[in-house]
Amino acid sequence: MTEHTHGMRGQIIYSPYSSPNGGLSQKAQQVTIVGPDIPAVDPVASNAPAVIVAETMPGYTVLRPAEDPAPDRTSYMASGNYVAPAVNGIAWRGVFGHYGAIPLHDRTESWAEYQQMSD
């Protein structure tokens, strides 16, 4: 995966149902959205890790960590948290077409956890 050094800052909005299971929203309060169509104004930092724009199904946009999950973990899924504009709402609207929050898919589970919850 391409390593991005700059992107657009987003603020994590924690829901009462937050369950990141060790995901980045458990440690950070902001993220840096990176990618080809994202303004590269804010640096990626340990307290604002890189996330990318993804679709879980056509037309359903989410943000997920830029790094792939470890091989012993499931793919990313919803953590119950969201990302909203940290500073520049106009840039956010230019990228996403609205000012609203985007679901954050940063939760992973071990395959044993996944199997236990799927039965």
Protein backbone atom coordinates (compact mmCIF):
# COMPACT_ATOMS: atom_id res chain seq x y z
CA MET A 1 0.00 0.00 0.00
CA THR A 2 1.18 3.54 -0.73
CA GLU A 3 2.44 5.35 2.32
CA HIS A 4 0.74 8.71 2.64
CA THR A 5 2.30 11.47 4.71
CA HIS A 6 -0.44 14.11 4.49
CA GLY A 7 -4.20 14.26 4.20
CA MET A 8 -7.27 15.90 5.73
CA ARG A 9 -7.86 15.79 9.49
CA GLY A 10 -11.06 14.32 10.89
CA GLN A 11 -12.39 14.24 14.45
CA ILE A 12 -13.56 10.89 15.84
CA ILE A 13 -17.09 11.06 17.23
CA TYR A 14 -17.59 8.38 19.87
CA SER A 15 -21.01 6.78 20.15
CA PRO A 16 -22.41 5.27 23.35
CA TYR A 17 -22.14 1.93 21.52
CA SER A 18 -18.42 2.30 20.75
CA SER A 19 -16.69 -1.07 20.51
CA PRO A 20 -13.42 -0.73 18.57
CA ASN A 21 -11.88 -3.90 20.10
CA GLY A 22 -8.38 -2.42 19.97
CA GLY A 23 -8.99 -0.42 16.77
CA LEU A 24 -7.43 3.01 16.24
CA SER A 25 -10.46 4.82 17.70
CA GLN A 26 -9.62 3.20 21.02
CA LYS A 27 -6.32 5.14 21.07
CA ALA A 28 -6.76 8.25 18.91
CA GLN A 29 -9.21 11.16 18.92
CA GLN A 30 -8.46 12.27 15.38
CA VAL A 31 -7.56 10.62 12.07
CA THR A 32 -5.92 11.82 8.87
CA ILE A 33 -7.91 10.89 5.77
CA VAL A 34 -5.52 10.12 2.92
CA GLY A 35 -5.89 9.17 -0.72
CA PRO A 36 -5.78 10.46 -4.27
CA ASP A 37 -8.76 12.84 -4.03
CA ILE A 38 -8.06 14.08 -0.50
CA PRO A 39 -6.44 17.51 0.13
CA ALA A 40 -2.93 16.87 1.51
CA VAL A 41 -2.83 19.60 4.16
CA ASP A 42 -2.44 17.84 7.53
CA PRO A 43 0.39 15.47 8.41
CA VAL A 44 -0.31 11.87 9.38
CA ALA A 45 0.72 11.49 13.04
CA SER A 46 0.63 8.85 15.76
CA ASN A 47 -2.24 10.75 17.40
CA ALA A 48 -4.02 11.14 14.01
CA PRO A 49 -3.36 7.89 12.09
CA ALA A 50 -4.06 7.47 8.38
CA VAL A 51 -7.46 6.23 7.20
CA ILE A 52 -8.75 5.74 3.66
CA VAL A 53 -12.14 6.10 2.03
CA ALA A 54 -13.75 2.75 1.24
CA GLU A 55 -17.16 1.41 0.22
CA THR A 56 -18.72 -1.55 1.99
CA MET A 57 -21.35 -1.73 -0.74
CA PRO A 58 -22.07 0.56 -3.70
CA GLY A 59 -22.81 4.06 -2.46
CA TYR A 60 -22.07 3.34 1.23
CA THR A 61 -18.91 5.25 2.14
CA VAL A 62 -16.89 4.42 5.25
CA LEU A 63 -13.42 5.23 6.53
CA ARG A 64 -11.01 2.47 7.52
CA PRO A 65 -7.37 2.32 8.59
CA ALA A 66 -4.93 2.71 5.69
CA GLU A 67 -3.02 -0.38 6.78
CA ASP A 68 -4.53 -3.80 6.16
CA PRO A 69 -5.48 -5.80 9.25
CA ALA A 70 -3.07 -8.45 10.53
CA PRO A 71 -3.51 -11.87 8.88
CA ASP A 72 -4.84 -13.38 12.11
CA ARG A 73 -7.63 -10.76 12.27
CA THR A 74 -10.88 -10.30 10.34
CA SER A 75 -11.35 -7.50 7.85
CA TYR A 76 -12.40 -4.11 9.22
CA MET A 77 -15.95 -3.67 10.49
CA ALA A 78 -17.95 -0.92 12.17
CA SER A 79 -16.75 0.14 15.62
CA GLY A 80 -19.79 2.26 16.38
CA ASN A 81 -17.77 5.46 15.92
CA TYR A 82 -17.81 8.13 13.23
CA VAL A 83 -15.47 10.74 11.76
CA ALA A 84 -16.55 14.36 11.24
CA PRO A 85 -14.68 17.42 9.95
CA ALA A 86 -12.02 18.48 12.45
CA VAL A 87 -11.51 21.99 11.08
CA ASN A 88 -12.31 22.63 7.43
CA GLY A 89 -15.93 21.74 6.72
CA ILE A 90 -15.73 23.25 3.24
CA ALA A 91 -12.91 20.89 2.22
CA TRP A 92 -14.87 18.01 3.78
CA ARG A 93 -17.93 18.90 1.71
CA GLY A 94 -15.75 19.10 -1.38
CA VAL A 95 -14.60 15.52 -0.83
CA PHE A 96 -17.77 13.87 0.50
CA GLY A 97 -20.53 16.13 -0.86
CA HIS A 98 -21.93 16.88 2.62
CA TYR A 99 -20.89 18.05 6.08
CA GLY A 100 -22.03 14.91 7.89
CA ALA A 101 -20.04 12.29 9.76
CA ILE A 102 -18.74 9.14 8.04
CA PRO A 103 -18.85 5.70 9.75
CA LEU A 104 -15.44 4.49 10.96
CA HIS A 105 -14.73 0.82 10.31
CA ASP A 106 -11.68 0.19 12.49
CA ARG A 107 -12.79 -2.83 14.51
CA THR A 108 -11.27 -6.25 13.86
CA GLU A 109 -11.67 -9.52 15.69
CA SER A 110 -9.57 -12.63 15.97
CA TRP A 111 -11.00 -15.45 13.91
CA ALA A 112 -11.91 -17.24 17.17
CA GLU A 113 -13.85 -14.16 18.39
CA TYR A 114 -15.56 -13.89 15.01
CA GLN A 115 -16.56 -17.55 15.02
CA GLN A 116 -17.83 -17.36 18.60
CA MET A 117 -20.01 -14.32 17.81
CA SER A 118 -21.24 -15.83 14.54
CA ASP A 119 -22.56 -19.06 16.05
